[in-house]
Amino acid sequence: MAKTQSRKPKKTSSRTSSKTSGSRAATKTAALKKSPARKAAAETSAKTSAKTSGKPTARKKIKSRGRVVAPTKRSRPKQRIAISHHREEDFKADGLRAYAKYRDLGIAEASSGLARAHVIRLIGPCNPEEVSKLHFHDVDFQMVYVLKGWVKTYMEGQGETMMQQGSAWTQPPRIKHLVMDYSDDVELLEVILPADFKTVELTT
């Protein structure tokens, strides 16, 4: 009767095992690379990464929105030099009041309507029924300077004031006022912005 010989299992070297697992991993990677789905996913990931890197950060966006834009300057009307010398014939009764004569100083034309300046002579004696009428001017600026004589005025919020030679005052836009009395020789310098404005008479 023959003896049964037992076979010993062959020892697998660690080198052979690592080679086998490395070979399997390489085969799997190659298979994944060849896969169309894997390739499309890789391309999509690359595109997304490129777009993200090209976009500005949220901080940059906030900074750009917070920039202050300098306001554009308004173009001013063209102006030229205006020279006016005293001449009696330049005092004309063609202004706002029938009881006054006006010497226009040429400012309205020279400033392209930006302002008006004239010397006013109030014709005496003062008639309160004609002169003392409450009104206001729709202007941006108005000032008066007494060149000669005196004038008594009333302004809303100020009351009655005696203005004499050398006196000056401003009248805010649309303030209610009137002339109460004046001397026979009174002369006033008046400057108004703009050159053309509206006057509104008020009933009392």
N, C-alpha and C. Protein backbone atom coordinates (compact mmCIF):
# COMPACT_ATOMS: atom_id res chain seq x y z
N MET A 1 0.87 -1.17 0.00
CA MET A 1 0.00 0.00 0.00
C MET A 1 0.90 1.21 0.00
N ALA A 2 0.63 2.11 -0.99
CA ALA A 2 1.51 3.28 -1.15
C ALA A 2 1.21 4.32 -0.10
N LYS A 3 2.26 5.01 0.31
CA LYS A 3 2.11 6.06 1.32
C LYS A 3 1.62 7.36 0.68
N THR A 4 0.69 7.92 1.37
CA THR A 4 0.16 9.23 0.87
C THR A 4 1.07 10.34 1.35
N GLN A 5 1.60 11.07 0.38
CA GLN A 5 2.51 12.19 0.71
C GLN A 5 1.73 13.50 0.83
N SER A 6 1.94 14.15 1.91
CA SER A 6 1.25 15.46 2.10
C SER A 6 2.03 16.57 1.41
N ARG A 7 1.25 17.40 0.65
CA ARG A 7 1.87 18.51 -0.08
C ARG A 7 1.82 19.81 0.75
N LYS A 8 2.96 20.40 0.84
CA LYS A 8 3.05 21.69 1.57
C LYS A 8 2.68 22.84 0.63
N PRO A 9 1.84 23.78 1.16
CA PRO A 9 1.48 24.92 0.30
C PRO A 9 2.71 25.78 0.00
N LYS A 10 2.71 26.23 -1.24
CA LYS A 10 3.84 27.05 -1.66
C LYS A 10 3.73 28.44 -1.03
N LYS A 11 4.85 28.90 -0.60
CA LYS A 11 4.90 30.25 0.00
C LYS A 11 4.92 31.31 -1.10
N THR A 12 4.01 32.30 -0.93
CA THR A 12 3.97 33.40 -1.91
C THR A 12 4.80 34.55 -1.36
N SER A 13 5.73 34.94 -2.10
CA SER A 13 6.62 36.03 -1.62
C SER A 13 5.87 37.35 -1.58
N SER A 14 6.28 38.23 -0.67
CA SER A 14 5.65 39.56 -0.55
C SER A 14 5.84 40.39 -1.80
N ARG A 15 6.98 40.12 -2.48
CA ARG A 15 7.25 40.87 -3.72
C ARG A 15 6.23 40.52 -4.77
N THR A 16 5.90 39.23 -4.86
CA THR A 16 4.93 38.78 -5.86
C THR A 16 3.56 39.34 -5.55
N SER A 17 3.19 39.39 -4.24
CA SER A 17 1.88 39.91 -3.82
C SER A 17 1.73 41.39 -4.14
N SER A 18 2.78 42.17 -3.89
CA SER A 18 2.69 43.62 -4.17
C SER A 18 2.61 43.89 -5.65
N LYS A 19 3.34 43.02 -6.43
CA LYS A 19 3.28 43.18 -7.88
C LYS A 19 1.88 42.93 -8.40
N THR A 20 1.23 41.91 -7.80
CA THR A 20 -0.11 41.54 -8.24
C THR A 20 -1.11 42.64 -7.93
N SER A 21 -1.06 43.17 -6.70
CA SER A 21 -2.01 44.23 -6.31
C SER A 21 -1.75 45.51 -7.09
N GLY A 22 -0.46 45.78 -7.37
CA GLY A 22 -0.13 46.97 -8.17
C GLY A 22 -0.64 46.83 -9.57
N SER A 23 -0.55 45.64 -10.09
CA SER A 23 -1.03 45.38 -11.45
C SER A 23 -2.53 45.55 -11.52
N ARG A 24 -3.22 45.04 -10.49
CA ARG A 24 -4.69 45.17 -10.46
C ARG A 24 -5.12 46.63 -10.39
N ALA A 25 -4.43 47.45 -9.57
CA ALA A 25 -4.79 48.87 -9.42
C ALA A 25 -4.57 49.61 -10.73
N ALA A 26 -3.46 49.27 -11.41
CA ALA A 26 -3.16 49.93 -12.69
C ALA A 26 -4.21 49.58 -13.72
N THR A 27 -4.62 48.29 -13.69
CA THR A 27 -5.65 47.85 -14.63
C THR A 27 -6.97 48.57 -14.38
N LYS A 28 -7.31 48.74 -13.10
CA LYS A 28 -8.56 49.43 -12.72
C LYS A 28 -8.54 50.89 -13.12
N THR A 29 -7.39 51.56 -12.90
CA THR A 29 -7.25 52.98 -13.26
C THR A 29 -7.37 53.18 -14.75
N ALA A 30 -6.73 52.28 -15.49
CA ALA A 30 -6.79 52.36 -16.95
C ALA A 30 -8.20 52.17 -17.44
N ALA A 31 -8.91 51.24 -16.78
CA ALA A 31 -10.31 50.99 -17.18
C ALA A 31 -11.18 52.19 -16.90
N LEU A 32 -10.93 52.88 -15.78
CA LEU A 32 -11.71 54.06 -15.42
C LEU A 32 -11.43 55.21 -16.39
N LYS A 33 -10.14 55.31 -16.78
CA LYS A 33 -9.78 56.37 -17.73
C LYS A 33 -10.45 56.17 -19.07
N LYS A 34 -10.58 54.92 -19.47
CA LYS A 34 -11.21 54.62 -20.75
C LYS A 34 -12.71 54.80 -20.69
N SER A 35 -13.28 54.81 -19.47
CA SER A 35 -14.73 54.90 -19.34
C SER A 35 -15.23 56.29 -19.77
N PRO A 36 -16.23 56.41 -20.65
CA PRO A 36 -16.76 57.71 -21.12
C PRO A 36 -17.37 58.52 -19.98
N ALA A 37 -18.03 57.88 -19.04
CA ALA A 37 -18.66 58.58 -17.92
C ALA A 37 -17.61 59.25 -17.06
N ARG A 38 -16.50 58.49 -16.81
CA ARG A 38 -15.41 59.02 -15.99
C ARG A 38 -14.76 60.22 -16.69
N LYS A 39 -14.59 60.10 -17.98
CA LYS A 39 -13.96 61.17 -18.77
C LYS A 39 -14.81 62.43 -18.76
N ALA A 40 -16.13 62.31 -18.93
CA ALA A 40 -17.05 63.46 -18.92
C ALA A 40 -17.06 64.14 -17.57
N ALA A 41 -17.03 63.32 -16.49
CA ALA A 41 -17.03 63.89 -15.14
C ALA A 41 -15.77 64.68 -14.88
N ALA A 42 -14.64 64.16 -15.38
CA ALA A 42 -13.37 64.86 -15.19
C ALA A 42 -13.36 66.19 -15.93
N GLU A 43 -13.89 66.21 -17.17
CA GLU A 43 -13.96 67.45 -17.95
C GLU A 43 -14.84 68.49 -17.27
N THR A 44 -15.99 68.04 -16.75
CA THR A 44 -16.92 68.96 -16.04
C THR A 44 -16.26 69.56 -14.82
N SER A 45 -15.52 68.72 -14.09
CA SER A 45 -14.82 69.20 -12.88
C SER A 45 -13.77 70.25 -13.23
N ALA A 46 -13.07 70.03 -14.34
CA ALA A 46 -12.02 70.97 -14.77
C ALA A 46 -12.62 72.31 -15.19
N LYS A 47 -13.76 72.26 -15.92
CA LYS A 47 -14.42 73.50 -16.35
C LYS A 47 -14.92 74.30 -15.16
N THR A 48 -15.52 73.61 -14.18
CA THR A 48 -16.05 74.27 -12.98
C THR A 48 -14.93 74.95 -12.20
N SER A 49 -13.80 74.25 -12.12
CA SER A 49 -12.64 74.79 -11.41
C SER A 49 -12.11 76.04 -12.08
N ALA A 50 -12.08 76.03 -13.42
CA ALA A 50 -11.58 77.19 -14.19
C ALA A 50 -12.50 78.38 -14.03
N LYS A 51 -13.83 78.14 -14.07
CA LYS A 51 -14.80 79.24 -13.90
C LYS A 51 -14.71 79.85 -12.52
N THR A 52 -14.57 78.98 -11.52
CA THR A 52 -14.50 79.46 -10.13
C THR A 52 -13.26 80.30 -9.90
N SER A 53 -12.14 79.87 -10.47
CA SER A 53 -10.90 80.63 -10.29
C SER A 53 -10.96 81.98 -10.98
N GLY A 54 -11.78 82.12 -12.07
CA GLY A 54 -11.88 83.37 -12.81
C GLY A 54 -12.84 84.36 -12.21
N LYS A 55 -13.73 83.93 -11.30
CA LYS A 55 -14.72 84.83 -10.70
C LYS A 55 -14.11 85.66 -9.58
N PRO A 56 -14.53 86.94 -9.43
CA PRO A 56 -14.04 87.75 -8.31
C PRO A 56 -14.64 87.27 -7.00
N THR A 57 -13.95 87.49 -5.93
CA THR A 57 -14.44 87.06 -4.64
C THR A 57 -15.59 87.95 -4.19
N ALA A 58 -16.35 87.48 -3.17
CA ALA A 58 -17.48 88.25 -2.65
C ALA A 58 -17.01 89.57 -2.08
N ARG A 59 -15.82 89.58 -1.50
CA ARG A 59 -15.28 90.82 -0.92
C ARG A 59 -15.04 91.86 -2.00
N LYS A 60 -14.54 91.41 -3.16
CA LYS A 60 -14.29 92.33 -4.28
C LYS A 60 -15.59 92.93 -4.79
N LYS A 61 -16.64 92.10 -4.85
CA LYS A 61 -17.95 92.59 -5.30
C LYS A 61 -18.47 93.68 -4.40
N ILE A 62 -18.40 93.45 -3.11
CA ILE A 62 -18.88 94.44 -2.14
C ILE A 62 -18.09 95.73 -2.24
N LYS A 63 -16.79 95.58 -2.47
CA LYS A 63 -15.94 96.77 -2.57
C LYS A 63 -16.28 97.60 -3.79
N SER A 64 -16.55 96.92 -4.92
CA SER A 64 -16.86 97.65 -6.14
C SER A 64 -18.21 98.34 -6.05
N ARG A 65 -19.16 97.73 -5.34
CA ARG A 65 -20.48 98.35 -5.18
C ARG A 65 -20.41 99.58 -4.29
N GLY A 66 -19.45 99.57 -3.38
CA GLY A 66 -19.34 100.67 -2.43
C GLY A 66 -18.58 101.87 -2.96
N ARG A 67 -18.12 101.85 -4.19
CA ARG A 67 -17.38 102.97 -4.75
C ARG A 67 -18.26 104.20 -4.90
N VAL A 68 -17.71 105.36 -4.57
CA VAL A 68 -18.45 106.62 -4.70
C VAL A 68 -18.09 107.25 -6.04
N VAL A 69 -19.10 107.47 -6.86
CA VAL A 69 -18.89 108.08 -8.17
C VAL A 69 -18.96 109.59 -8.03
N ALA A 70 -17.96 110.28 -8.52
CA ALA A 70 -17.91 111.74 -8.42
C ALA A 70 -19.04 112.36 -9.24
N PRO A 71 -19.80 113.32 -8.65
CA PRO A 71 -20.90 113.94 -9.39
C PRO A 71 -20.39 114.78 -10.55
N THR A 72 -21.15 114.77 -11.61
CA THR A 72 -20.76 115.56 -12.78
C THR A 72 -21.04 117.04 -12.53
N LYS A 73 -20.14 117.87 -12.93
CA LYS A 73 -20.29 119.31 -12.72
C LYS A 73 -21.28 119.89 -13.72
N ARG A 74 -22.15 120.78 -13.21
CA ARG A 74 -23.10 121.45 -14.09
C ARG A 74 -22.36 122.47 -14.94
N SER A 75 -22.72 122.52 -16.20
CA SER A 75 -22.10 123.50 -17.07
C SER A 75 -22.69 124.89 -16.79
N ARG A 76 -21.85 125.85 -16.53
CA ARG A 76 -22.30 127.20 -16.23
C ARG A 76 -22.47 128.00 -17.52
N PRO A 77 -23.41 128.94 -17.52
CA PRO A 77 -23.60 129.75 -18.73
C PRO A 77 -22.37 130.59 -19.02
N LYS A 78 -22.12 130.81 -20.27
CA LYS A 78 -20.97 131.61 -20.68
C LYS A 78 -21.19 133.07 -20.25
N GLN A 79 -20.15 133.69 -19.70
CA GLN A 79 -20.25 135.06 -19.23
C GLN A 79 -19.23 135.95 -19.93
N ARG A 80 -19.50 137.22 -19.93
CA ARG A 80 -18.57 138.19 -20.49
C ARG A 80 -18.50 139.40 -19.58
N ILE A 81 -17.56 140.27 -19.83
CA ILE A 81 -17.37 141.48 -19.03
C ILE A 81 -18.51 142.46 -19.30
N ALA A 82 -19.02 143.07 -18.23
CA ALA A 82 -20.06 144.11 -18.36
C ALA A 82 -19.56 145.38 -17.66
N ILE A 83 -19.51 146.48 -18.39
CA ILE A 83 -19.09 147.77 -17.84
C ILE A 83 -20.22 148.77 -18.05
N SER A 84 -20.58 149.46 -16.97
CA SER A 84 -21.68 150.45 -17.05
C SER A 84 -21.25 151.73 -16.31
N HIS A 85 -21.27 152.85 -17.03
CA HIS A 85 -20.94 154.15 -16.44
C HIS A 85 -22.24 154.95 -16.22
N HIS A 86 -22.21 155.83 -15.23
CA HIS A 86 -23.41 156.61 -14.91
C HIS A 86 -23.79 157.55 -16.05
N ARG A 87 -25.07 157.45 -16.46
CA ARG A 87 -25.66 158.37 -17.43
C ARG A 87 -27.12 158.56 -17.04
N GLU A 88 -27.55 159.77 -16.94
CA GLU A 88 -28.93 160.06 -16.52
C GLU A 88 -29.96 159.45 -17.46
N GLU A 89 -29.63 159.43 -18.74
CA GLU A 89 -30.59 158.89 -19.72
C GLU A 89 -30.80 157.37 -19.58
N ASP A 90 -29.95 156.72 -18.81
CA ASP A 90 -30.11 155.28 -18.63
C ASP A 90 -31.17 154.92 -17.58
N PHE A 91 -31.66 155.89 -16.82
CA PHE A 91 -32.75 155.64 -15.87
C PHE A 91 -34.07 155.64 -16.63
N LYS A 92 -34.72 154.51 -16.66
CA LYS A 92 -35.94 154.36 -17.45
C LYS A 92 -37.08 153.80 -16.61
N ALA A 93 -38.29 154.24 -16.92
CA ALA A 93 -39.49 153.78 -16.20
C ALA A 93 -40.07 152.57 -16.93
N ASP A 94 -39.27 151.54 -17.07
CA ASP A 94 -39.71 150.33 -17.79
C ASP A 94 -39.52 149.06 -16.96
N GLY A 95 -39.45 149.25 -15.62
CA GLY A 95 -39.21 148.10 -14.75
C GLY A 95 -40.47 147.57 -14.11
N LEU A 96 -40.29 146.91 -12.99
CA LEU A 96 -41.39 146.24 -12.31
C LEU A 96 -42.41 147.21 -11.73
N ARG A 97 -41.96 148.35 -11.19
CA ARG A 97 -42.84 149.31 -10.52
C ARG A 97 -43.01 150.60 -11.32
N ALA A 98 -44.24 151.07 -11.38
CA ALA A 98 -44.52 152.33 -12.10
C ALA A 98 -43.98 153.53 -11.36
N TYR A 99 -43.79 153.44 -10.05
CA TYR A 99 -43.30 154.55 -9.24
C TYR A 99 -41.77 154.52 -9.11
N ALA A 100 -41.09 153.78 -10.00
CA ALA A 100 -39.63 153.68 -9.92
C ALA A 100 -39.00 153.78 -11.31
N LYS A 101 -37.75 154.27 -11.34
CA LYS A 101 -36.96 154.29 -12.56
C LYS A 101 -35.74 153.38 -12.33
N TYR A 102 -35.38 152.65 -13.40
CA TYR A 102 -34.34 151.64 -13.28
C TYR A 102 -33.18 151.92 -14.25
N ARG A 103 -31.97 151.80 -13.74
CA ARG A 103 -30.77 151.85 -14.59
C ARG A 103 -30.17 150.46 -14.61
N ASP A 104 -30.36 149.76 -15.71
CA ASP A 104 -29.84 148.40 -15.83
C ASP A 104 -28.32 148.43 -16.01
N LEU A 105 -27.61 147.56 -15.31
CA LEU A 105 -26.15 147.55 -15.34
C LEU A 105 -25.57 146.52 -16.32
N GLY A 106 -26.42 145.90 -17.09
CA GLY A 106 -25.96 144.97 -18.14
C GLY A 106 -25.54 143.60 -17.65
N ILE A 107 -25.84 143.29 -16.38
CA ILE A 107 -25.42 142.01 -15.81
C ILE A 107 -26.22 140.83 -16.37
N ALA A 108 -27.50 141.05 -16.60
CA ALA A 108 -28.36 139.96 -17.09
C ALA A 108 -27.87 139.42 -18.43
N GLU A 109 -27.55 140.32 -19.33
CA GLU A 109 -27.07 139.91 -20.66
C GLU A 109 -25.67 139.32 -20.58
N ALA A 110 -24.80 139.96 -19.79
CA ALA A 110 -23.41 139.50 -19.68
C ALA A 110 -23.30 138.13 -19.00
N SER A 111 -24.22 137.82 -18.11
CA SER A 111 -24.18 136.54 -17.38
C SER A 111 -25.08 135.47 -17.98
N SER A 112 -25.64 135.75 -19.15
CA SER A 112 -26.57 134.82 -19.81
C SER A 112 -27.76 134.46 -18.93
N GLY A 113 -28.29 135.48 -18.21
CA GLY A 113 -29.48 135.28 -17.39
C GLY A 113 -29.21 134.78 -15.99
N LEU A 114 -27.93 134.64 -15.61
CA LEU A 114 -27.62 134.14 -14.27
C LEU A 114 -28.05 135.12 -13.19
N ALA A 115 -27.88 136.41 -13.42
CA ALA A 115 -28.21 137.42 -12.41
C ALA A 115 -28.62 138.72 -13.08
N ARG A 116 -29.26 139.59 -12.28
CA ARG A 116 -29.63 140.93 -12.75
C ARG A 116 -29.21 141.94 -11.68
N ALA A 117 -28.72 143.08 -12.11
CA ALA A 117 -28.35 144.15 -11.18
C ALA A 117 -28.79 145.48 -11.78
N HIS A 118 -29.40 146.34 -10.94
CA HIS A 118 -29.82 147.66 -11.42
C HIS A 118 -29.84 148.65 -10.26
N VAL A 119 -29.77 149.92 -10.64
CA VAL A 119 -29.93 151.01 -9.67
C VAL A 119 -31.37 151.48 -9.79
N ILE A 120 -32.03 151.60 -8.63
CA ILE A 120 -33.46 151.98 -8.62
C ILE A 120 -33.63 153.35 -7.96
N ARG A 121 -34.37 154.22 -8.62
CA ARG A 121 -34.78 155.50 -8.02
C ARG A 121 -36.29 155.43 -7.78
N LEU A 122 -36.70 155.56 -6.53
CA LEU A 122 -38.13 155.59 -6.21
C LEU A 122 -38.61 157.03 -6.34
N ILE A 123 -39.65 157.24 -7.11
CA ILE A 123 -40.16 158.59 -7.41
C ILE A 123 -41.05 159.06 -6.27
N GLY A 124 -40.66 160.18 -5.70
CA GLY A 124 -41.42 160.72 -4.56
C GLY A 124 -42.45 161.76 -4.99
N PRO A 125 -43.30 162.19 -4.05
CA PRO A 125 -43.40 161.63 -2.70
C PRO A 125 -44.06 160.24 -2.70
N CYS A 126 -43.81 159.46 -1.64
CA CYS A 126 -44.33 158.09 -1.54
C CYS A 126 -45.83 158.11 -1.34
N ASN A 127 -46.52 157.30 -2.14
CA ASN A 127 -47.97 157.13 -2.01
C ASN A 127 -48.23 155.70 -1.49
N PRO A 128 -48.51 155.53 -0.20
CA PRO A 128 -48.68 154.19 0.39
C PRO A 128 -49.73 153.34 -0.32
N GLU A 129 -50.80 153.97 -0.84
CA GLU A 129 -51.85 153.20 -1.51
C GLU A 129 -51.32 152.51 -2.77
N GLU A 130 -50.35 153.11 -3.40
CA GLU A 130 -49.74 152.53 -4.61
C GLU A 130 -48.53 151.67 -4.27
N VAL A 131 -47.76 152.09 -3.28
CA VAL A 131 -46.47 151.47 -2.99
C VAL A 131 -46.57 150.31 -2.00
N SER A 132 -47.31 150.51 -0.93
CA SER A 132 -47.30 149.56 0.20
C SER A 132 -48.24 148.38 -0.03
N LYS A 133 -47.83 147.50 -0.95
CA LYS A 133 -48.61 146.30 -1.26
C LYS A 133 -47.74 145.07 -0.96
N LEU A 134 -48.31 144.18 -0.14
CA LEU A 134 -47.58 142.98 0.26
C LEU A 134 -47.36 142.08 -0.96
N HIS A 135 -46.14 141.57 -1.13
CA HIS A 135 -45.81 140.71 -2.27
C HIS A 135 -44.58 139.87 -1.96
N PHE A 136 -44.24 138.96 -2.87
CA PHE A 136 -42.98 138.22 -2.76
C PHE A 136 -42.43 137.95 -4.15
N HIS A 137 -41.13 137.69 -4.21
CA HIS A 137 -40.46 137.39 -5.47
C HIS A 137 -39.98 135.93 -5.44
N ASP A 138 -40.24 135.21 -6.51
CA ASP A 138 -39.79 133.83 -6.63
C ASP A 138 -38.37 133.82 -7.19
N VAL A 139 -37.39 134.03 -6.30
CA VAL A 139 -35.99 134.16 -6.70
C VAL A 139 -35.11 133.16 -5.94
N ASP A 140 -33.85 133.08 -6.35
CA ASP A 140 -32.87 132.27 -5.62
C ASP A 140 -32.08 133.13 -4.64
N PHE A 141 -31.91 134.39 -4.98
CA PHE A 141 -31.14 135.31 -4.13
C PHE A 141 -31.54 136.75 -4.47
N GLN A 142 -31.58 137.61 -3.41
CA GLN A 142 -31.90 139.03 -3.62
C GLN A 142 -31.25 139.85 -2.50
N MET A 143 -30.54 140.90 -2.88
CA MET A 143 -29.97 141.82 -1.90
C MET A 143 -30.16 143.26 -2.38
N VAL A 144 -30.26 144.19 -1.41
CA VAL A 144 -30.47 145.61 -1.71
C VAL A 144 -29.48 146.43 -0.89
N TYR A 145 -28.91 147.45 -1.53
CA TYR A 145 -27.98 148.36 -0.85
C TYR A 145 -28.45 149.80 -1.09
N VAL A 146 -28.51 150.59 -0.02
CA VAL A 146 -28.99 151.97 -0.13
C VAL A 146 -27.81 152.88 -0.53
N LEU A 147 -27.89 153.43 -1.72
CA LEU A 147 -26.85 154.34 -2.22
C LEU A 147 -27.04 155.76 -1.72
N LYS A 148 -28.32 156.15 -1.59
CA LYS A 148 -28.64 157.54 -1.22
C LYS A 148 -30.02 157.57 -0.55
N GLY A 149 -30.22 158.50 0.39
CA GLY A 149 -31.53 158.66 1.03
C GLY A 149 -31.83 157.55 2.03
N TRP A 150 -33.12 157.26 2.17
CA TRP A 150 -33.57 156.21 3.10
C TRP A 150 -34.85 155.57 2.60
N VAL A 151 -35.13 154.37 3.11
CA VAL A 151 -36.35 153.65 2.78
C VAL A 151 -36.76 152.83 4.00
N LYS A 152 -38.07 152.83 4.27
CA LYS A 152 -38.60 152.06 5.39
C LYS A 152 -39.31 150.82 4.83
N THR A 153 -38.89 149.65 5.30
CA THR A 153 -39.42 148.40 4.76
C THR A 153 -40.11 147.57 5.84
N TYR A 154 -40.91 146.61 5.36
CA TYR A 154 -41.49 145.58 6.23
C TYR A 154 -41.17 144.23 5.59
N MET A 155 -40.63 143.29 6.41
CA MET A 155 -40.38 141.92 5.96
C MET A 155 -40.95 140.94 6.98
N GLU A 156 -41.61 139.92 6.48
CA GLU A 156 -42.21 138.92 7.34
C GLU A 156 -41.14 138.28 8.24
N GLY A 157 -41.39 138.29 9.54
CA GLY A 157 -40.43 137.74 10.48
C GLY A 157 -39.41 138.75 10.96
N GLN A 158 -39.30 139.88 10.28
CA GLN A 158 -38.36 140.93 10.65
C GLN A 158 -39.07 142.18 11.16
N GLY A 159 -40.23 142.43 10.57
CA GLY A 159 -40.99 143.63 10.95
C GLY A 159 -40.52 144.87 10.20
N GLU A 160 -40.78 146.04 10.77
CA GLU A 160 -40.42 147.31 10.13
C GLU A 160 -38.95 147.64 10.40
N THR A 161 -38.25 148.11 9.35
CA THR A 161 -36.84 148.47 9.49
C THR A 161 -36.55 149.71 8.66
N MET A 162 -35.85 150.67 9.26
CA MET A 162 -35.43 151.87 8.55
C MET A 162 -34.05 151.63 7.94
N MET A 163 -33.96 151.66 6.62
CA MET A 163 -32.70 151.48 5.90
C MET A 163 -32.22 152.85 5.42
N GLN A 164 -31.00 153.22 5.80
CA GLN A 164 -30.44 154.51 5.43
C GLN A 164 -29.24 154.34 4.49
N GLN A 165 -28.69 155.43 4.03
CA GLN A 165 -27.54 155.37 3.14
C GLN A 165 -26.44 154.50 3.75
N GLY A 166 -25.99 153.50 2.98
CA GLY A 166 -24.99 152.56 3.46
C GLY A 166 -25.58 151.28 4.03
N SER A 167 -26.91 151.25 4.25
CA SER A 167 -27.56 150.03 4.74
C SER A 167 -27.68 148.99 3.62
N ALA A 168 -27.64 147.73 3.99
CA ALA A 168 -27.82 146.64 3.02
C ALA A 168 -28.60 145.52 3.68
N TRP A 169 -29.37 144.80 2.89
CA TRP A 169 -30.12 143.65 3.41
C TRP A 169 -30.40 142.64 2.31
N THR A 170 -30.66 141.42 2.76
CA THR A 170 -31.05 140.36 1.83
C THR A 170 -32.51 140.01 2.08
N GLN A 171 -33.16 139.55 1.05
CA GLN A 171 -34.55 139.08 1.16
C GLN A 171 -34.58 137.61 0.71
N PRO A 172 -34.76 136.68 1.66
CA PRO A 172 -34.80 135.26 1.29
C PRO A 172 -35.88 134.97 0.25
N PRO A 173 -35.70 133.90 -0.52
CA PRO A 173 -36.67 133.55 -1.55
C PRO A 173 -38.10 133.48 -1.02
N ARG A 174 -39.01 134.14 -1.72
CA ARG A 174 -40.45 134.11 -1.46
C ARG A 174 -40.85 134.72 -0.10
N ILE A 175 -39.99 135.52 0.50
CA ILE A 175 -40.37 136.18 1.74
C ILE A 175 -41.37 137.31 1.44
N LYS A 176 -42.40 137.43 2.26
CA LYS A 176 -43.40 138.47 2.07
C LYS A 176 -42.85 139.80 2.60
N HIS A 177 -42.98 140.85 1.79
CA HIS A 177 -42.42 142.15 2.18
C HIS A 177 -43.15 143.28 1.45
N LEU A 178 -42.87 144.52 1.89
CA LEU A 178 -43.40 145.71 1.21
C LEU A 178 -42.59 146.93 1.60
N VAL A 179 -42.70 147.98 0.78
CA VAL A 179 -42.07 149.28 1.06
C VAL A 179 -43.11 150.14 1.76
N MET A 180 -42.75 150.69 2.92
CA MET A 180 -43.69 151.49 3.69
C MET A 180 -43.57 152.99 3.39
N ASP A 181 -42.31 153.44 3.22
CA ASP A 181 -42.07 154.87 2.97
C ASP A 181 -40.65 155.04 2.47
N TYR A 182 -40.34 156.19 1.84
CA TYR A 182 -38.98 156.46 1.37
C TYR A 182 -38.80 157.96 1.15
N SER A 183 -37.54 158.35 1.11
CA SER A 183 -37.23 159.76 0.87
C SER A 183 -37.33 160.07 -0.62
N ASP A 184 -37.48 161.33 -0.95
CA ASP A 184 -37.65 161.72 -2.36
C ASP A 184 -36.39 161.47 -3.19
N ASP A 185 -35.24 161.39 -2.54
CA ASP A 185 -33.98 161.23 -3.27
C ASP A 185 -33.38 159.82 -3.14
N VAL A 186 -34.16 158.86 -2.72
CA VAL A 186 -33.62 157.52 -2.46
C VAL A 186 -33.16 156.83 -3.74
N GLU A 187 -32.00 156.19 -3.65
CA GLU A 187 -31.46 155.35 -4.73
C GLU A 187 -31.00 154.02 -4.13
N LEU A 188 -31.34 152.93 -4.79
CA LEU A 188 -31.03 151.59 -4.29
C LEU A 188 -30.29 150.78 -5.35
N LEU A 189 -29.33 149.98 -4.91
CA LEU A 189 -28.68 149.01 -5.79
C LEU A 189 -29.28 147.64 -5.45
N GLU A 190 -29.83 146.97 -6.46
CA GLU A 190 -30.47 145.66 -6.23
C GLU A 190 -29.81 144.60 -7.11
N VAL A 191 -29.50 143.45 -6.50
CA VAL A 191 -28.92 142.31 -7.21
C VAL A 191 -29.84 141.11 -6.99
N ILE A 192 -30.23 140.45 -8.09
CA ILE A 192 -31.20 139.34 -8.01
C ILE A 192 -30.72 138.17 -8.87
N LEU A 193 -30.91 136.97 -8.35
CA LEU A 193 -30.66 135.74 -9.12
C LEU A 193 -31.95 134.92 -9.14
N PRO A 194 -32.37 134.43 -10.30
CA PRO A 194 -31.83 134.67 -11.64
C PRO A 194 -32.31 136.01 -12.19
N ALA A 195 -31.92 136.30 -13.43
CA ALA A 195 -32.27 137.58 -14.03
C ALA A 195 -33.78 137.71 -14.24
N ASP A 196 -34.42 136.65 -14.64
CA ASP A 196 -35.87 136.66 -14.85
C ASP A 196 -36.54 135.90 -13.70
N PHE A 197 -37.53 136.51 -13.09
CA PHE A 197 -38.20 135.90 -11.93
C PHE A 197 -39.67 136.34 -11.90
N LYS A 198 -40.42 135.65 -11.07
CA LYS A 198 -41.85 135.92 -10.95
C LYS A 198 -42.14 136.68 -9.65
N THR A 199 -43.00 137.72 -9.75
CA THR A 199 -43.45 138.48 -8.58
C THR A 199 -44.93 138.22 -8.34
N VAL A 200 -45.30 137.94 -7.10
CA VAL A 200 -46.68 137.61 -6.76
C VAL A 200 -47.21 138.65 -5.78
N GLU A 201 -48.27 139.35 -6.17
CA GLU A 201 -48.94 140.33 -5.29
C GLU A 201 -49.92 139.58 -4.38
N LEU A 202 -49.95 139.98 -3.12
CA LEU A 202 -50.81 139.32 -2.14
C LEU A 202 -51.89 140.30 -1.66
N THR A 203 -53.10 139.79 -1.51
CA THR A 203 -54.19 140.64 -0.99
C THR A 203 -54.21 140.54 0.52
N THR A 204 -54.48 141.65 1.19
CA THR A 204 -54.52 141.67 2.66
C THR A 204 -55.95 141.80 3.16
